[in-house]
Amino acid sequence: MTAMSRRAGGAAGWAVLLALAGMPLIALTTQALATGWFFPDLVPGEWTLDAVRRIADDPRTRSAFLEGLRVSGLATLMAMCLAVPAARALAIGRPRGARWMALGFLVPTVLPPVALAMGLNVALLRTGLAGGVWSVAVAHLVVTLPYAVLILTAALTRYDPALERQAAVLGAGPGMILTRVFLPVAGPAIATTAALAFVVSWSQYLLTLLPGGGRITTMPVLVLAASAGGNPTAAAALALAAAVPPALAILLVVRRLDTLTTGRHG
């Protein structure tokens, strides 16, 4: 196979991947701008921004957007406060049984979402914590923490602890080693992990609805409510609005990929 044919095959492969990735976004955008879109029409007969304007002007949308940012922000903050020392211990300290510890973090991810949400809801009700922002953030922490620990552990396997030993020899204390050595080197991996943890938390529906007792409304809850109400145009417009924070987080991840894969900083 010639170099030109390989390049052509690679370009075709990327085109197919981009088409598949962009298909849901194209369909949602079309549905959000459609006045009426009925089978077998390939495209809507009329286009309008009315649904987008209604969604943007609705105070429930703004409230759900801000509530989601609060919940996911808290969940991400808690996850990173726990994930950084845990990942550091697993990747650098390599304690005995580290592999089993890593597998233990995966337990919440293999449970059915309904069972996990119901179990957490019962536990929070028993402790009197259900029904608030903190209870939902704690519920989200259960699913964000495993991903944060495993992703950060994999990234920190490239971290050289000799840098800290050299800094200690030169007289640096624990605080200076943390702020001048560890965080600058591991910062891109930590930022990337935090962005992905935020995306995981933002997308939670059952872990918001049940522990929140119906009092905490985030964007996924609004999207599912609009879909259940038989309003596909409103649901599509809400889904596009809900996709904005995860899209920004993913852009942060893409921006940091070069640093993570090549070791260049900046």
Foldseek 3Di string as FASTA:
>chain_A
DDPVVVVVVVVVVVVVVVCVVCVVVVVLVQLLQAPDDDPPDPGHPGGHNVLLVCLVPDVVNVQQAVLLCLLLVLLLVVLLVVQVVLLCCCQPVVDPPSVVVLVVLCVVVPDDPVVLLVVLLVVCVVVVNFADSVSLSVSLNSVLNSQLNVQLNVLCNPPDCVVVVVVVVVPDDPVCCVVVPVCQQSVLSSLLSSLVSSVSSLQDDSSCCRRNVNNRHHLNVVLVVCVVVVNSNNSSSSVVVSCVSNVVSVVSNVVSPCCSVPVDDD
